[in-house]
Amino acid sequence: MTKENSNPLEKSRIYLKKANELQIKGQFEEAILNYKISLNIFPTAEAHTF
Protein backbone atom coordinates (compact mmCIF):
# COMPACT_ATOMS: atom_id res chain seq x y z
CA MET A 1 0.00 0.00 0.00
CA THR A 2 1.42 3.40 -0.92
CA LYS A 3 1.75 6.18 1.62
CA GLU A 4 -1.17 8.18 0.18
CA ASN A 5 -3.45 5.13 0.24
CA SER A 6 -2.67 4.43 3.89
CA ASN A 7 -4.15 7.80 4.88
CA PRO A 8 -7.96 7.50 5.07
CA LEU A 9 -8.52 11.13 4.09
CA GLU A 10 -6.35 10.82 0.98
CA LYS A 11 -7.96 7.50 0.03
CA SER A 12 -11.37 9.10 0.45
CA ARG A 13 -10.36 11.98 -1.80
CA ILE A 14 -9.30 9.55 -4.53
CA TYR A 15 -12.82 8.07 -4.59
CA LEU A 16 -14.38 11.53 -4.40
CA LYS A 17 -12.37 12.71 -7.41
CA LYS A 18 -13.34 9.59 -9.36
CA ALA A 19 -17.00 10.13 -8.42
CA ASN A 20 -16.87 13.72 -9.65
CA GLU A 21 -15.38 12.61 -12.97
CA LEU A 22 -18.01 9.91 -13.40
CA GLN A 23 -20.81 12.35 -12.59
CA ILE A 24 -19.57 14.76 -15.24
CA LYS A 25 -19.56 11.89 -17.78
CA GLY A 26 -23.16 11.06 -16.87
CA GLN A 27 -22.28 7.74 -15.25
CA PHE A 28 -24.47 8.44 -12.25
CA GLU A 29 -24.84 4.99 -10.71
CA GLU A 30 -21.08 4.41 -10.66
CA ALA A 31 -20.57 7.97 -9.36
CA ILE A 32 -22.99 7.33 -6.49
CA LEU A 33 -21.11 4.15 -5.58
CA ASN A 34 -17.82 6.06 -5.46
CA TYR A 35 -19.35 8.86 -3.36
CA LYS A 36 -20.59 6.23 -0.90
CA ILE A 37 -17.19 4.54 -0.73
CA SER A 38 -15.55 7.92 -0.14
CA LEU A 39 -17.98 8.69 2.69
CA ASN A 40 -17.47 5.27 4.28
CA ILE A 41 -13.70 5.68 4.30
CA PHE A 42 -13.64 9.25 5.64
CA PRO A 43 -16.82 11.35 5.80
CA THR A 44 -16.27 14.90 4.56
CA ALA A 45 -18.61 17.83 4.08
CA GLU A 46 -17.55 18.04 0.43
CA ALA A 47 -18.61 14.45 -0.30
CA HIS A 48 -21.92 14.94 1.53
CA THR A 49 -22.90 17.74 -0.88
CA PHE A 50 -23.26 15.33 -3.80
PDB file of N, CA and C in Angstrom:
ATOM      1  N   MET A   1       0.858  -1.188   0.000  1.00  0.00           N
ATOM      2  CA  MET A   1       0.000   0.000   0.000  1.00  0.00           C
ATOM      3  C   MET A   1       0.899   1.244   0.000  1.00  0.00           C
ATOM      4  N   THR A   2       0.613   2.184  -0.862  1.00  0.00           N
ATOM      5  CA  THR A   2       1.417   3.399  -0.917  1.00  0.00           C
ATOM      6  C   THR A   2       1.082   4.315   0.245  1.00  0.00           C
ATOM      7  N   LYS A   3       1.948   5.257   0.497  1.00  0.00           N
ATOM      8  CA  LYS A   3       1.748   6.176   1.618  1.00  0.00           C
ATOM      9  C   LYS A   3       0.424   6.919   1.521  1.00  0.00           C
ATOM     10  N   GLU A   4       0.074   7.428   0.331  1.00  0.00           N
ATOM     11  CA  GLU A   4      -1.169   8.181   0.184  1.00  0.00           C
ATOM     12  C   GLU A   4      -2.404   7.305   0.404  1.00  0.00           C
ATOM     13  N   ASN A   5      -2.319   6.030   0.051  1.00  0.00           N
ATOM     14  CA  ASN A   5      -3.446   5.133   0.239  1.00  0.00           C
ATOM     15  C   ASN A   5      -3.595   4.674   1.681  1.00  0.00           C
ATOM     16  N   SER A   6      -2.571   4.829   2.489  1.00  0.00           N
ATOM     17  CA  SER A   6      -2.670   4.433   3.887  1.00  0.00           C
ATOM     18  C   SER A   6      -3.371   5.509   4.712  1.00  0.00           C
ATOM     19  N   ASN A   7      -3.481   6.704   4.196  1.00  0.00           N
ATOM     20  CA  ASN A   7      -4.150   7.804   4.877  1.00  0.00           C
ATOM     21  C   ASN A   7      -5.630   7.795   4.466  1.00  0.00           C
ATOM     22  N   PRO A   8      -6.530   7.575   5.428  1.00  0.00           N
ATOM     23  CA  PRO A   8      -7.956   7.500   5.068  1.00  0.00           C
ATOM     24  C   PRO A   8      -8.479   8.739   4.349  1.00  0.00           C
ATOM     25  N   LEU A   9      -8.051   9.916   4.747  1.00  0.00           N
ATOM     26  CA  LEU A   9      -8.520  11.127   4.090  1.00  0.00           C
ATOM     27  C   LEU A   9      -8.085  11.157   2.631  1.00  0.00           C
ATOM     28  N   GLU A  10      -6.841  10.824   2.365  1.00  0.00           N
ATOM     29  CA  GLU A  10      -6.348  10.821   0.983  1.00  0.00           C
ATOM     30  C   GLU A  10      -7.048   9.749   0.158  1.00  0.00           C
ATOM     31  N   LYS A  11      -7.258   8.569   0.740  1.00  0.00           N
ATOM     32  CA  LYS A  11      -7.956   7.499   0.027  1.00  0.00           C
ATOM     33  C   LYS A  11      -9.386   7.931  -0.297  1.00  0.00           C
ATOM     34  N   SER A  12     -10.023   8.591   0.653  1.00  0.00           N
ATOM     35  CA  SER A  12     -11.375   9.097   0.453  1.00  0.00           C
ATOM     36  C   SER A  12     -11.410  10.112  -0.681  1.00  0.00           C
ATOM     37  N   ARG A  13     -10.422  10.964  -0.743  1.00  0.00           N
ATOM     38  CA  ARG A  13     -10.363  11.984  -1.802  1.00  0.00           C
ATOM     39  C   ARG A  13     -10.179  11.368  -3.178  1.00  0.00           C
ATOM     40  N   ILE A  14      -9.475  10.240  -3.255  1.00  0.00           N
ATOM     41  CA  ILE A  14      -9.301   9.549  -4.535  1.00  0.00           C
ATOM     42  C   ILE A  14     -10.661   9.108  -5.065  1.00  0.00           C
ATOM     43  N   TYR A  15     -11.482   8.509  -4.180  1.00  0.00           N
ATOM     44  CA  TYR A  15     -12.821   8.068  -4.595  1.00  0.00           C
ATOM     45  C   TYR A  15     -13.724   9.255  -4.902  1.00  0.00           C
ATOM     46  N   LEU A  16     -13.578  10.334  -4.157  1.00  0.00           N
ATOM     47  CA  LEU A  16     -14.379  11.532  -4.402  1.00  0.00           C
ATOM     48  C   LEU A  16     -14.056  12.122  -5.772  1.00  0.00           C
ATOM     49  N   LYS A  17     -12.776  12.184  -6.102  1.00  0.00           N
ATOM     50  CA  LYS A  17     -12.366  12.710  -7.409  1.00  0.00           C
ATOM     51  C   LYS A  17     -12.915  11.830  -8.530  1.00  0.00           C
ATOM     52  N   LYS A  18     -12.819  10.508  -8.349  1.00  0.00           N
ATOM     53  CA  LYS A  18     -13.342   9.590  -9.358  1.00  0.00           C
ATOM     54  C   LYS A  18     -14.851   9.764  -9.509  1.00  0.00           C
ATOM     55  N   ALA A  19     -15.550   9.929  -8.381  1.00  0.00           N
ATOM     56  CA  ALA A  19     -16.999  10.130  -8.415  1.00  0.00           C
ATOM     57  C   ALA A  19     -17.353  11.396  -9.182  1.00  0.00           C
ATOM     58  N   ASN A  20     -16.616  12.460  -8.934  1.00  0.00           N
ATOM     59  CA  ASN A  20     -16.866  13.717  -9.652  1.00  0.00           C
ATOM     60  C   ASN A  20     -16.689  13.541 -11.157  1.00  0.00           C
ATOM     61  N   GLU A  21     -15.638  12.840 -11.547  1.00  0.00           N
ATOM     62  CA  GLU A  21     -15.380  12.606 -12.966  1.00  0.00           C
ATOM     63  C   GLU A  21     -16.495  11.776 -13.599  1.00  0.00           C
ATOM     64  N   LEU A  22     -16.937  10.755 -12.877  1.00  0.00           N
ATOM     65  CA  LEU A  22     -18.007   9.906 -13.396  1.00  0.00           C
ATOM     66  C   LEU A  22     -19.315  10.681 -13.513  1.00  0.00           C
ATOM     67  N   GLN A  23     -19.586  11.540 -12.556  1.00  0.00           N
ATOM     68  CA  GLN A  23     -20.808  12.347 -12.592  1.00  0.00           C
ATOM     69  C   GLN A  23     -20.805  13.262 -13.807  1.00  0.00           C
ATOM     70  N   ILE A  24     -19.690  13.875 -14.083  1.00  0.00           N
ATOM     71  CA  ILE A  24     -19.573  14.765 -15.239  1.00  0.00           C
ATOM     72  C   ILE A  24     -19.812  13.997 -16.537  1.00  0.00           C
ATOM     73  N   LYS A  25     -19.374  12.731 -16.591  1.00  0.00           N
ATOM     74  CA  LYS A  25     -19.560  11.894 -17.777  1.00  0.00           C
ATOM     75  C   LYS A  25     -20.980  11.337 -17.880  1.00  0.00           C
ATOM     76  N   GLY A  26     -21.790  11.565 -16.846  1.00  0.00           N
ATOM     77  CA  GLY A  26     -23.157  11.062 -16.873  1.00  0.00           C
ATOM     78  C   GLY A  26     -23.296   9.638 -16.376  1.00  0.00           C
ATOM     79  N   GLN A  27     -22.254   9.101 -15.788  1.00  0.00           N
ATOM     80  CA  GLN A  27     -22.275   7.740 -15.253  1.00  0.00           C
ATOM     81  C   GLN A  27     -22.695   7.806 -13.782  1.00  0.00           C
ATOM     82  N   PHE A  28     -23.973   8.088 -13.572  1.00  0.00           N
ATOM     83  CA  PHE A  28     -24.471   8.440 -12.248  1.00  0.00           C
ATOM     84  C   PHE A  28     -24.448   7.294 -11.244  1.00  0.00           C
ATOM     85  N   GLU A  29     -24.814   6.101 -11.662  1.00  0.00           N
ATOM     86  CA  GLU A  29     -24.837   4.990 -10.708  1.00  0.00           C
ATOM     87  C   GLU A  29     -23.441   4.672 -10.188  1.00  0.00           C
ATOM     88  N   GLU A  30     -22.463   4.663 -11.078  1.00  0.00           N
ATOM     89  CA  GLU A  30     -21.081   4.409 -10.657  1.00  0.00           C
ATOM     90  C   GLU A  30     -20.560   5.575  -9.816  1.00  0.00           C
ATOM     91  N   ALA A  31     -20.969   6.795 -10.154  1.00  0.00           N
ATOM     92  CA  ALA A  31     -20.568   7.965  -9.365  1.00  0.00           C
ATOM     93  C   ALA A  31     -21.114   7.857  -7.941  1.00  0.00           C
ATOM     94  N   ILE A  32     -22.378   7.468  -7.814  1.00  0.00           N
ATOM     95  CA  ILE A  32     -22.985   7.329  -6.488  1.00  0.00           C
ATOM     96  C   ILE A  32     -22.222   6.298  -5.666  1.00  0.00           C
ATOM     97  N   LEU A  33     -21.874   5.181  -6.285  1.00  0.00           N
ATOM     98  CA  LEU A  33     -21.114   4.152  -5.581  1.00  0.00           C
ATOM     99  C   LEU A  33     -19.797   4.721  -5.056  1.00  0.00           C
ATOM    100  N   ASN A  34     -19.100   5.491  -5.882  1.00  0.00           N
ATOM    101  CA  ASN A  34     -17.819   6.064  -5.460  1.00  0.00           C
ATOM    102  C   ASN A  34     -17.995   7.126  -4.385  1.00  0.00           C
ATOM    103  N   TYR A  35     -19.073   7.911  -4.441  1.00  0.00           N
ATOM    104  CA  TYR A  35     -19.346   8.863  -3.365  1.00  0.00           C
ATOM    105  C   TYR A  35     -19.567   8.115  -2.049  1.00  0.00           C
ATOM    106  N   LYS A  36     -20.320   7.013  -2.108  1.00  0.00           N
ATOM    107  CA  LYS A  36     -20.592   6.233  -0.898  1.00  0.00           C
ATOM    108  C   LYS A  36     -19.320   5.618  -0.325  1.00  0.00           C
ATOM    109  N   ILE A  37     -18.466   5.103  -1.196  1.00  0.00           N
ATOM    110  CA  ILE A  37     -17.192   4.544  -0.731  1.00  0.00           C
ATOM    111  C   ILE A  37     -16.365   5.633  -0.070  1.00  0.00           C
ATOM    112  N   SER A  38     -16.292   6.790  -0.705  1.00  0.00           N
ATOM    113  CA  SER A  38     -15.552   7.916  -0.141  1.00  0.00           C
ATOM    114  C   SER A  38     -16.064   8.267   1.255  1.00  0.00           C
ATOM    115  N   LEU A  39     -17.379   8.335   1.396  1.00  0.00           N
ATOM    116  CA  LEU A  39     -17.977   8.687   2.689  1.00  0.00           C
ATOM    117  C   LEU A  39     -17.734   7.601   3.729  1.00  0.00           C
ATOM    118  N   ASN A  40     -17.729   6.354   3.326  1.00  0.00           N
ATOM    119  CA  ASN A  40     -17.472   5.266   4.276  1.00  0.00           C
ATOM    120  C   ASN A  40     -16.036   5.268   4.774  1.00  0.00           C
ATOM    121  N   ILE A  41     -15.109   5.660   3.919  1.00  0.00           N
ATOM    122  CA  ILE A  41     -13.700   5.683   4.303  1.00  0.00           C
ATOM    123  C   ILE A  41     -13.419   6.853   5.240  1.00  0.00           C
ATOM    124  N   PHE A  42     -13.900   8.040   4.842  1.00  0.00           N
ATOM    125  CA  PHE A  42     -13.645   9.250   5.636  1.00  0.00           C
ATOM    126  C   PHE A  42     -14.710  10.285   5.279  1.00  0.00           C
ATOM    127  N   PRO A  43     -15.748  10.393   6.094  1.00  0.00           N
ATOM    128  CA  PRO A  43     -16.819  11.350   5.798  1.00  0.00           C
ATOM    129  C   PRO A  43     -16.313  12.795   5.762  1.00  0.00           C
ATOM    130  N   THR A  44     -16.640  13.493   4.684  1.00  0.00           N
ATOM    131  CA  THR A  44     -16.271  14.904   4.556  1.00  0.00           C
ATOM    132  C   THR A  44     -17.503  15.699   4.137  1.00  0.00           C
ATOM    133  N   ALA A  45     -17.506  16.965   4.475  1.00  0.00           N
ATOM    134  CA  ALA A  45     -18.611  17.834   4.084  1.00  0.00           C
ATOM    135  C   ALA A  45     -18.712  17.911   2.566  1.00  0.00           C
ATOM    136  N   GLU A  46     -17.569  17.939   1.900  1.00  0.00           N
ATOM    137  CA  GLU A  46     -17.553  18.038   0.433  1.00  0.00           C
ATOM    138  C   GLU A  46     -18.255  16.841  -0.202  1.00  0.00           C
ATOM    139  N   ALA A  47     -17.986  15.643   0.269  1.00  0.00           N
ATOM    140  CA  ALA A  47     -18.615  14.448  -0.300  1.00  0.00           C
ATOM    141  C   ALA A  47     -20.112  14.411   0.014  1.00  0.00           C
ATOM    142  N   HIS A  48     -20.509  14.951   1.141  1.00  0.00           N
ATOM    143  CA  HIS A  48     -21.923  14.942   1.526  1.00  0.00           C
ATOM    144  C   HIS A  48     -22.759  15.881   0.649  1.00  0.00           C
ATOM    145  N   THR A  49     -22.140  16.800  -0.062  1.00  0.00           N
ATOM    146  CA  THR A  49     -22.900  17.743  -0.876  1.00  0.00           C
ATOM    147  C   THR A  49     -23.395  17.137  -2.178  1.00  0.00           C
ATOM    148  N   PHE A  50     -22.887  15.953  -2.528  1.00  0.00           N
ATOM    149  CA  PHE A  50     -23.261  15.326  -3.800  1.00  0.00           C
ATOM    150  C   PHE A  50     -24.220  14.238  -3.575  1.00  0.00           C
TER     151      PHE A  50
END
